[in-house]
Amino acid sequence: MDQQPVIILVRPQMGENIGAAARAMLNFGLDRMRLVEPRDGWPNPRAVAMASGAAGKVLDRAGVFDDLPAAIADCDFVFATTARGRELPKPIYTPEAAMTEARKRIVAGQKVGILFGPERTGLENDDINRANAIITVPVNPAFYSLNLGQAVLLTSYEYSRHTLDAAPVDPGLAGFDPASQTEVEKLGDHFEERLQEAGFFFPEHKAPMMKRNLRNMWTRFSMTRQEVQTLHGALRQLLRPRDQ
């Protein structure tokens, strides 16, 4: 992805969480990570192990900085993720609103950074003061702590969901092809034939309406090919002569 924000992990403590953040980023097409004063140094084998394969490339190209000012020096706009910060005079965004704003700025040619704090304490006020705006997730107030990887995943998803090709609802059924109109039509013919033989369409003057109701039912069901074939087989089996 050419146009994307920079994910900046400030004083991350555990290599596993850095690796989890890298995986979360790559899940949604992001690969620009920066690390500020990682507690256990860099590179970190635990981060690589957690990144699991392809996400290792996010770690390979990650920039490492001695302090936050250096990490955001080339950024035009910076968001700080925190559950606190309401005492600071900064605009507060939900992740969705923040990433909509980030996308607008990036398309306009700006570089946007997103800060994530250390696992135990989160960002300090001095860190947040360097940001232009705050991102706060509307979570359960009785338990508002998010894992670092979860926070990065949520933000990455919100940024990428308007850029990745994905239908909001898949009209198909997993592993099954939808039945064609012709297949549904033939099933309707089969039912009408068998019901006609059984004397179902009675009285005769009501037959057209009864047939229309049946046709409407078949089309409303949105059946798969397998379901159509199953109903054909059920009809044939019901009418097969039985040994007395």
C-alpha atoms as a PDB file:
ATOM      1  CA  MET A   1       0.000   0.000   0.000  1.00  0.00           C
ATOM      2  CA  ASP A   2       1.623   3.283  -1.083  1.00  0.00           C
ATOM      3  CA  GLN A   3      -0.529   5.575   1.020  1.00  0.00           C
ATOM      4  CA  GLN A   4      -0.614   4.546   4.651  1.00  0.00           C
ATOM      5  CA  PRO A   5       0.074   5.851   8.143  1.00  0.00           C
ATOM      6  CA  VAL A   6       3.201   5.062  10.140  1.00  0.00           C
ATOM      7  CA  ILE A   7       2.597   2.862  13.193  1.00  0.00           C
ATOM      8  CA  ILE A   8       4.873   4.044  16.009  1.00  0.00           C
ATOM      9  CA  LEU A   9       5.347   1.851  19.087  1.00  0.00           C
ATOM     10  CA  VAL A  10       6.666   3.973  21.943  1.00  0.00           C
ATOM     11  CA  ARG A  11       8.858   2.109  24.457  1.00  0.00           C
ATOM     12  CA  PRO A  12       7.345  -1.320  23.732  1.00  0.00           C
ATOM     13  CA  GLN A  13       8.238  -3.845  26.403  1.00  0.00           C
ATOM     14  CA  MET A  14       7.700  -7.361  25.046  1.00  0.00           C
ATOM     15  CA  GLY A  15       9.002  -8.685  21.766  1.00  0.00           C
ATOM     16  CA  GLU A  16       5.909 -10.863  21.432  1.00  0.00           C
ATOM     17  CA  ASN A  17       3.692  -7.780  21.394  1.00  0.00           C
ATOM     18  CA  ILE A  18       5.829  -6.095  18.746  1.00  0.00           C
ATOM     19  CA  GLY A  19       5.492  -9.217  16.619  1.00  0.00           C
ATOM     20  CA  ALA A  20       1.739  -9.321  17.212  1.00  0.00           C
ATOM     21  CA  ALA A  21       1.488  -5.678  16.130  1.00  0.00           C
ATOM     22  CA  ALA A  22       3.415  -6.489  12.941  1.00  0.00           C
ATOM     23  CA  ARG A  23       1.006  -9.331  12.150  1.00  0.00           C
ATOM     24  CA  ALA A  24      -1.986  -7.083  12.798  1.00  0.00           C
ATOM     25  CA  MET A  25      -0.581  -4.435  10.475  1.00  0.00           C
ATOM     26  CA  LEU A  26       0.116  -6.826   7.612  1.00  0.00           C
ATOM     27  CA  ASN A  27      -3.337  -8.385   7.975  1.00  0.00           C
ATOM     28  CA  PHE A  28      -4.670  -5.071   6.695  1.00  0.00           C
ATOM     29  CA  GLY A  29      -1.950  -4.146   4.235  1.00  0.00           C
ATOM     30  CA  LEU A  30       0.159  -1.858   6.437  1.00  0.00           C
ATOM     31  CA  ASP A  31       3.926  -2.320   6.727  1.00  0.00           C
ATOM     32  CA  ARG A  32       5.457   0.916   8.045  1.00  0.00           C
ATOM     33  CA  MET A  33       6.480   0.458  11.675  1.00  0.00           C
ATOM     34  CA  ARG A  34       8.727   2.546  13.895  1.00  0.00           C
ATOM     35  CA  LEU A  35      10.026   1.637  17.343  1.00  0.00           C
ATOM     36  CA  VAL A  36      10.998   4.126  20.031  1.00  0.00           C
ATOM     37  CA  GLU A  37      13.349   2.803  22.735  1.00  0.00           C
ATOM     38  CA  PRO A  38      12.251  -0.860  22.706  1.00  0.00           C
ATOM     39  CA  ARG A  39      12.928  -2.115  26.232  1.00  0.00           C
ATOM     40  CA  ASP A  40      14.732  -5.329  25.245  1.00  0.00           C
ATOM     41  CA  GLY A  41      16.717  -3.848  22.389  1.00  0.00           C
ATOM     42  CA  TRP A  42      16.467  -4.561  18.676  1.00  0.00           C
ATOM     43  CA  PRO A  43      16.329  -6.885  16.822  1.00  0.00           C
ATOM     44  CA  ASN A  44      14.283  -9.094  19.114  1.00  0.00           C
ATOM     45  CA  PRO A  45      13.980 -12.833  18.311  1.00  0.00           C
ATOM     46  CA  ARG A  46      10.691 -13.104  20.208  1.00  0.00           C
ATOM     47  CA  ALA A  47       9.171 -10.456  17.962  1.00  0.00           C
ATOM     48  CA  VAL A  48      10.328 -12.349  14.890  1.00  0.00           C
ATOM     49  CA  ALA A  49       8.868 -15.619  16.202  1.00  0.00           C
ATOM     50  CA  MET A  50       5.517 -13.973  16.944  1.00  0.00           C
ATOM     51  CA  ALA A  51       5.399 -12.189  13.581  1.00  0.00           C
ATOM     52  CA  SER A  52       5.209 -15.635  11.975  1.00  0.00           C
ATOM     53  CA  GLY A  53       6.491 -15.675   8.427  1.00  0.00           C
ATOM     54  CA  ALA A  54       5.349 -12.959   6.060  1.00  0.00           C
ATOM     55  CA  ALA A  55       4.863 -10.348   8.791  1.00  0.00           C
ATOM     56  CA  GLY A  56       8.596 -10.572   9.454  1.00  0.00           C
ATOM     57  CA  LYS A  57       9.116  -8.137   6.598  1.00  0.00           C
ATOM     58  CA  VAL A  58       7.363  -5.453   8.669  1.00  0.00           C
ATOM     59  CA  LEU A  59       9.994  -5.961  11.376  1.00  0.00           C
ATOM     60  CA  ASP A  60      12.852  -6.090   8.871  1.00  0.00           C
ATOM     61  CA  ARG A  61      12.095  -2.608   7.607  1.00  0.00           C
ATOM     62  CA  ALA A  62      11.069  -1.131  10.985  1.00  0.00           C
ATOM     63  CA  GLY A  63      12.876   2.051  11.965  1.00  0.00           C
ATOM     64  CA  VAL A  64      14.350   2.269  15.463  1.00  0.00           C
ATOM     65  CA  PHE A  65      14.624   5.656  17.206  1.00  0.00           C
ATOM     66  CA  ASP A  66      16.201   6.861  20.424  1.00  0.00           C
ATOM     67  CA  ASP A  67      13.345   9.203  21.290  1.00  0.00           C
ATOM     68  CA  LEU A  68       9.858  10.188  20.198  1.00  0.00           C
ATOM     69  CA  PRO A  69      10.739  13.584  18.664  1.00  0.00           C
ATOM     70  CA  ALA A  70      13.088  11.829  16.231  1.00  0.00           C
ATOM     71  CA  ALA A  71      10.453   9.210  15.371  1.00  0.00           C
ATOM     72  CA  ILE A  72       7.824  11.792  14.411  1.00  0.00           C
ATOM     73  CA  ALA A  73      10.111  14.473  12.995  1.00  0.00           C
ATOM     74  CA  ASP A  74       8.927  13.942   9.404  1.00  0.00           C
ATOM     75  CA  CYS A  75       5.226  13.547  10.281  1.00  0.00           C
ATOM     76  CA  ASP A  76       2.758  16.291   9.407  1.00  0.00           C
ATOM     77  CA  PHE A  77       0.049  15.022  11.748  1.00  0.00           C
ATOM     78  CA  VAL A  78       0.228  12.631  14.708  1.00  0.00           C
ATOM     79  CA  PHE A  79      -2.471  10.708  16.570  1.00  0.00           C
ATOM     80  CA  ALA A  80      -1.890   9.346  20.096  1.00  0.00           C
ATOM     81  CA  THR A  81      -3.883   6.312  21.209  1.00  0.00           C
ATOM     82  CA  THR A  82      -4.852   6.487  24.870  1.00  0.00           C
ATOM     83  CA  ALA A  83      -7.686   5.760  27.260  1.00  0.00           C
ATOM     84  CA  ARG A  84      -6.754   8.932  29.111  1.00  0.00           C
ATOM     85  CA  GLY A  85      -6.157  12.445  27.860  1.00  0.00           C
ATOM     86  CA  ARG A  86      -9.476  14.163  28.353  1.00  0.00           C
ATOM     87  CA  GLU A  87      -7.726  16.738  30.509  1.00  0.00           C
ATOM     88  CA  LEU A  88      -5.544  17.682  27.534  1.00  0.00           C
ATOM     89  CA  PRO A  89      -6.833  20.341  25.083  1.00  0.00           C
ATOM     90  CA  LYS A  90      -6.770  18.116  22.006  1.00  0.00           C
ATOM     91  CA  PRO A  91      -9.495  16.783  19.714  1.00  0.00           C
ATOM     92  CA  ILE A  92     -10.540  13.233  20.587  1.00  0.00           C
ATOM     93  CA  TYR A  93     -11.480  10.785  17.829  1.00  0.00           C
ATOM     94  CA  THR A  94     -12.888   7.285  17.705  1.00  0.00           C
ATOM     95  CA  PRO A  95     -10.687   4.932  15.660  1.00  0.00           C
ATOM     96  CA  GLU A  96     -13.121   5.122  12.730  1.00  0.00           C
ATOM     97  CA  ALA A  97     -13.219   8.936  12.688  1.00  0.00           C
ATOM     98  CA  ALA A  98      -9.456   9.179  13.212  1.00  0.00           C
ATOM     99  CA  MET A  99      -8.628   6.904  10.309  1.00  0.00           C
ATOM    100  CA  THR A 100     -11.073   8.750   8.065  1.00  0.00           C
ATOM    101  CA  GLU A 101      -9.186  11.940   8.913  1.00  0.00           C
ATOM    102  CA  ALA A 102      -5.838  10.185   8.441  1.00  0.00           C
ATOM    103  CA  ARG A 103      -6.874   8.965   4.996  1.00  0.00           C
ATOM    104  CA  LYS A 104      -7.867  12.468   3.907  1.00  0.00           C
ATOM    105  CA  ARG A 105      -4.541  13.889   5.043  1.00  0.00           C
ATOM    106  CA  ILE A 106      -2.488  11.131   3.449  1.00  0.00           C
ATOM    107  CA  VAL A 107      -4.304  11.502   0.132  1.00  0.00           C
ATOM    108  CA  ALA A 108      -3.508  15.215   0.348  1.00  0.00           C
ATOM    109  CA  GLY A 109       0.195  14.364   0.593  1.00  0.00           C
ATOM    110  CA  GLN A 110       0.739  14.515   4.352  1.00  0.00           C
ATOM    111  CA  LYS A 111       2.565  11.924   6.445  1.00  0.00           C
ATOM    112  CA  VAL A 112       0.516  10.663   9.397  1.00  0.00           C
ATOM    113  CA  GLY A 113       1.868   8.873  12.451  1.00  0.00           C
ATOM    114  CA  ILE A 114      -0.083   6.897  15.074  1.00  0.00           C
ATOM    115  CA  LEU A 115       1.443   6.468  18.537  1.00  0.00           C
ATOM    116  CA  PHE A 116       0.918   3.398  20.728  1.00  0.00           C
ATOM    117  CA  GLY A 117       2.276   3.363  24.267  1.00  0.00           C
ATOM    118  CA  PRO A 118       4.066   0.709  26.323  1.00  0.00           C
ATOM    119  CA  GLU A 119       1.982  -2.232  27.471  1.00  0.00           C
ATOM    120  CA  ARG A 120       2.022  -1.561  31.216  1.00  0.00           C
ATOM    121  CA  THR A 121       1.324   2.167  31.385  1.00  0.00           C
ATOM    122  CA  GLY A 122       0.363   3.399  27.927  1.00  0.00           C
ATOM    123  CA  LEU A 123       1.532   6.738  26.592  1.00  0.00           C
ATOM    124  CA  GLU A 124       2.663   9.361  29.100  1.00  0.00           C
ATOM    125  CA  ASN A 125       1.284  12.888  28.968  1.00  0.00           C
ATOM    126  CA  ASP A 126       4.583  14.136  27.555  1.00  0.00           C
ATOM    127  CA  ASP A 127       4.123  11.708  24.650  1.00  0.00           C
ATOM    128  CA  ILE A 128       0.522  12.733  24.094  1.00  0.00           C
ATOM    129  CA  ASN A 129       1.464  16.404  24.169  1.00  0.00           C
ATOM    130  CA  ARG A 130       3.531  15.838  21.027  1.00  0.00           C
ATOM    131  CA  ALA A 131       0.481  14.566  19.146  1.00  0.00           C
ATOM    132  CA  ASN A 132      -2.073  16.669  17.291  1.00  0.00           C
ATOM    133  CA  ALA A 133      -5.079  14.559  18.301  1.00  0.00           C
ATOM    134  CA  ILE A 134      -6.121  11.641  20.476  1.00  0.00           C
ATOM    135  CA  ILE A 135      -7.696   8.309  19.554  1.00  0.00           C
ATOM    136  CA  THR A 136      -9.806   6.707  22.263  1.00  0.00           C
ATOM    137  CA  VAL A 137     -11.611   3.405  21.764  1.00  0.00           C
ATOM    138  CA  PRO A 138     -15.184   3.382  23.162  1.00  0.00           C
ATOM    139  CA  VAL A 139     -14.776   0.281  25.313  1.00  0.00           C
ATOM    140  CA  ASN A 140     -16.292  -0.972  28.555  1.00  0.00           C
ATOM    141  CA  PRO A 141     -15.422   1.739  31.143  1.00  0.00           C
ATOM    142  CA  ALA A 142     -15.031  -0.947  33.787  1.00  0.00           C
ATOM    143  CA  PHE A 143     -12.252  -2.578  31.736  1.00  0.00           C
ATOM    144  CA  TYR A 144     -10.696  -0.289  29.159  1.00  0.00           C
ATOM    145  CA  SER A 145      -7.246  -1.856  28.804  1.00  0.00           C
ATOM    146  CA  LEU A 146      -6.406  -3.098  25.296  1.00  0.00           C
ATOM    147  CA  ASN A 147      -3.469  -5.331  24.434  1.00  0.00           C
ATOM    148  CA  LEU A 148      -0.923  -3.577  22.186  1.00  0.00           C
ATOM    149  CA  GLY A 149      -1.535  -5.991  19.312  1.00  0.00           C
ATOM    150  CA  GLN A 150      -5.304  -5.542  19.648  1.00  0.00           C
ATOM    151  CA  ALA A 151      -5.021  -1.766  19.566  1.00  0.00           C
ATOM    152  CA  VAL A 152      -2.837  -1.853  16.454  1.00  0.00           C
ATOM    153  CA  LEU A 153      -5.165  -4.341  14.761  1.00  0.00           C
ATOM    154  CA  LEU A 154      -8.251  -2.224  15.466  1.00  0.00           C
ATOM    155  CA  THR A 155      -6.627   0.916  14.105  1.00  0.00           C
ATOM    156  CA  SER A 156      -5.171  -0.842  11.046  1.00  0.00           C
ATOM    157  CA  TYR A 157      -8.562  -2.323  10.228  1.00  0.00           C
ATOM    158  CA  GLU A 158     -10.303   1.037  10.468  1.00  0.00           C
ATOM    159  CA  TYR A 159      -7.735   2.580   8.138  1.00  0.00           C
ATOM    160  CA  SER A 160      -7.810  -0.187   5.559  1.00  0.00           C
ATOM    161  CA  ARG A 161     -11.491  -1.152   5.468  1.00  0.00           C
ATOM    162  CA  HIS A 162     -12.236   1.542   2.889  1.00  0.00           C
ATOM    163  CA  THR A 163      -9.221   0.658   0.739  1.00  0.00           C
ATOM    164  CA  LEU A 164      -9.236  -3.164   0.658  1.00  0.00           C
ATOM    165  CA  ASP A 165     -11.627  -4.827  -1.775  1.00  0.00           C
ATOM    166  CA  ALA A 166     -14.238  -6.621   0.315  1.00  0.00           C
ATOM    167  CA  ALA A 167     -18.005  -6.725   0.003  1.00  0.00           C
ATOM    168  CA  PRO A 168     -19.744  -5.899   3.318  1.00  0.00           C
ATOM    169  CA  VAL A 169     -21.932  -8.976   2.848  1.00  0.00           C
ATOM    170  CA  ASP A 170     -21.077 -12.043   0.762  1.00  0.00           C
ATOM    171  CA  PRO A 171     -24.315 -13.187  -0.892  1.00  0.00           C
ATOM    172  CA  GLY A 172     -22.942 -16.676  -1.401  1.00  0.00           C
ATOM    173  CA  LEU A 173     -22.770 -19.587   0.996  1.00  0.00           C
ATOM    174  CA  ALA A 174     -19.378 -20.894   2.062  1.00  0.00           C
ATOM    175  CA  GLY A 175     -18.365 -23.803  -0.156  1.00  0.00           C
ATOM    176  CA  PHE A 176     -21.567 -23.904  -2.232  1.00  0.00           C
ATOM    177  CA  ASP A 177     -22.500 -22.444  -5.601  1.00  0.00           C
ATOM    178  CA  PRO A 178     -25.902 -20.753  -5.875  1.00  0.00           C
ATOM    179  CA  ALA A 179     -28.444 -22.494  -8.082  1.00  0.00           C
ATOM    180  CA  SER A 180     -29.023 -20.866 -11.459  1.00  0.00           C
ATOM    181  CA  GLN A 181     -32.437 -19.573 -12.514  1.00  0.00           C
ATOM    182  CA  THR A 182     -32.678 -22.479 -14.962  1.00  0.00           C
ATOM    183  CA  GLU A 183     -31.999 -25.023 -12.216  1.00  0.00           C
ATOM    184  CA  VAL A 184     -34.642 -23.465  -9.976  1.00  0.00           C
ATOM    185  CA  GLU A 185     -37.094 -23.397 -12.898  1.00  0.00           C
ATOM    186  CA  LYS A 186     -36.552 -27.104 -13.571  1.00  0.00           C
ATOM    187  CA  LEU A 187     -37.092 -27.898  -9.899  1.00  0.00           C
ATOM    188  CA  GLY A 188     -40.403 -26.017 -10.057  1.00  0.00           C
ATOM    189  CA  ASP A 189     -41.387 -28.020 -13.149  1.00  0.00           C
ATOM    190  CA  HIS A 190     -40.527 -31.266 -11.368  1.00  0.00           C
ATOM    191  CA  PHE A 191     -42.649 -30.366  -8.350  1.00  0.00           C
ATOM    192  CA  GLU A 192     -45.597 -29.287 -10.489  1.00  0.00           C
ATOM    193  CA  GLU A 193     -45.487 -32.536 -12.461  1.00  0.00           C
ATOM    194  CA  ARG A 194     -45.461 -34.682  -9.363  1.00  0.00           C
ATOM    195  CA  LEU A 195     -48.109 -32.626  -7.573  1.00  0.00           C
ATOM    196  CA  GLN A 196     -50.287 -32.720 -10.671  1.00  0.00           C
ATOM    197  CA  GLU A 197     -50.037 -36.533 -10.703  1.00  0.00           C
ATOM    198  CA  ALA A 198     -51.000 -36.592  -7.002  1.00  0.00           C
ATOM    199  CA  GLY A 199     -54.084 -34.402  -7.601  1.00  0.00           C
ATOM    200  CA  PHE A 200     -52.743 -31.522  -5.527  1.00  0.00           C
ATOM    201  CA  PHE A 201     -54.019 -28.734  -7.801  1.00  0.00           C
ATOM    202  CA  PHE A 202     -57.678 -28.848  -6.817  1.00  0.00           C
ATOM    203  CA  PRO A 203     -60.057 -27.261  -7.434  1.00  0.00           C
ATOM    204  CA  GLU A 204     -58.887 -26.628 -10.982  1.00  0.00           C
ATOM    205  CA  HIS A 205     -59.718 -22.913 -11.069  1.00  0.00           C
ATOM    206  CA  LYS A 206     -57.256 -22.341  -8.192  1.00  0.00           C
ATOM    207  CA  ALA A 207     -54.413 -24.196  -9.890  1.00  0.00           C
ATOM    208  CA  PRO A 208     -52.760 -21.110 -11.527  1.00  0.00           C
ATOM    209  CA  MET A 209     -52.591 -19.271  -8.200  1.00  0.00           C
ATOM    210  CA  MET A 210     -51.238 -22.332  -6.382  1.00  0.00           C
ATOM    211  CA  LYS A 211     -48.516 -22.762  -9.018  1.00  0.00           C
ATOM    212  CA  ARG A 212     -47.532 -19.100  -8.781  1.00  0.00           C
ATOM    213  CA  ASN A 213     -47.232 -19.414  -5.007  1.00  0.00           C
ATOM    214  CA  LEU A 214     -44.944 -22.411  -5.396  1.00  0.00           C
ATOM    215  CA  ARG A 215     -42.752 -20.650  -7.994  1.00  0.00           C
ATOM    216  CA  ASN A 216     -42.454 -17.618  -5.757  1.00  0.00           C
ATOM    217  CA  MET A 217     -41.410 -19.832  -2.864  1.00  0.00           C
ATOM    218  CA  TRP A 218     -38.596 -21.485  -4.833  1.00  0.00           C
ATOM    219  CA  THR A 219     -37.107 -18.193  -5.982  1.00  0.00           C
ATOM    220  CA  ARG A 220     -37.374 -16.667  -2.505  1.00  0.00           C
ATOM    221  CA  PHE A 221     -35.323 -19.480  -0.953  1.00  0.00           C
ATOM    222  CA  SER A 222     -32.051 -18.566  -2.770  1.00  0.00           C
ATOM    223  CA  MET A 223     -31.051 -22.223  -2.926  1.00  0.00           C
ATOM    224  CA  THR A 224     -27.685 -23.754  -3.740  1.00  0.00           C
ATOM    225  CA  ARG A 225     -27.161 -26.290  -6.502  1.00  0.00           C
ATOM    226  CA  GLN A 226     -26.706 -29.014  -3.915  1.00  0.00           C
ATOM    227  CA  GLU A 227     -30.044 -28.161  -2.299  1.00  0.00           C
ATOM    228  CA  VAL A 228     -31.828 -28.262  -5.670  1.00  0.00           C
ATOM    229  CA  GLN A 229     -30.343 -31.679  -6.429  1.00  0.00           C
ATOM    230  CA  THR A 230     -31.328 -32.917  -2.962  1.00  0.00           C
ATOM    231  CA  LEU A 231     -34.970 -31.904  -3.540  1.00  0.00           C
ATOM    232  CA  HIS A 232     -35.003 -33.586  -6.952  1.00  0.00           C
ATOM    233  CA  GLY A 233     -33.704 -36.755  -5.314  1.00  0.00           C
ATOM    234  CA  ALA A 234     -36.277 -36.549  -2.516  1.00  0.00           C
ATOM    235  CA  LEU A 235     -39.114 -36.309  -5.032  1.00  0.00           C
ATOM    236  CA  ARG A 236     -37.868 -39.305  -7.001  1.00  0.00           C
ATOM    237  CA  GLN A 237     -37.478 -41.348  -3.810  1.00  0.00           C
ATOM    238  CA  LEU A 238     -40.982 -40.483  -2.527  1.00  0.00           C
ATOM    239  CA  LEU A 239     -42.544 -41.708  -5.751  1.00  0.00           C
ATOM    240  CA  ARG A 240     -40.460 -44.845  -6.086  1.00  0.00           C
ATOM    241  CA  PRO A 241     -42.571 -48.033  -5.694  1.00  0.00           C
ATOM    242  CA  ARG A 242     -42.057 -49.840  -2.396  1.00  0.00           C
ATOM    243  CA  ASP A 243     -41.993 -53.591  -1.872  1.00  0.00           C
ATOM    244  CA  GLN A 244     -45.174 -54.704  -0.161  1.00  0.00           C
END
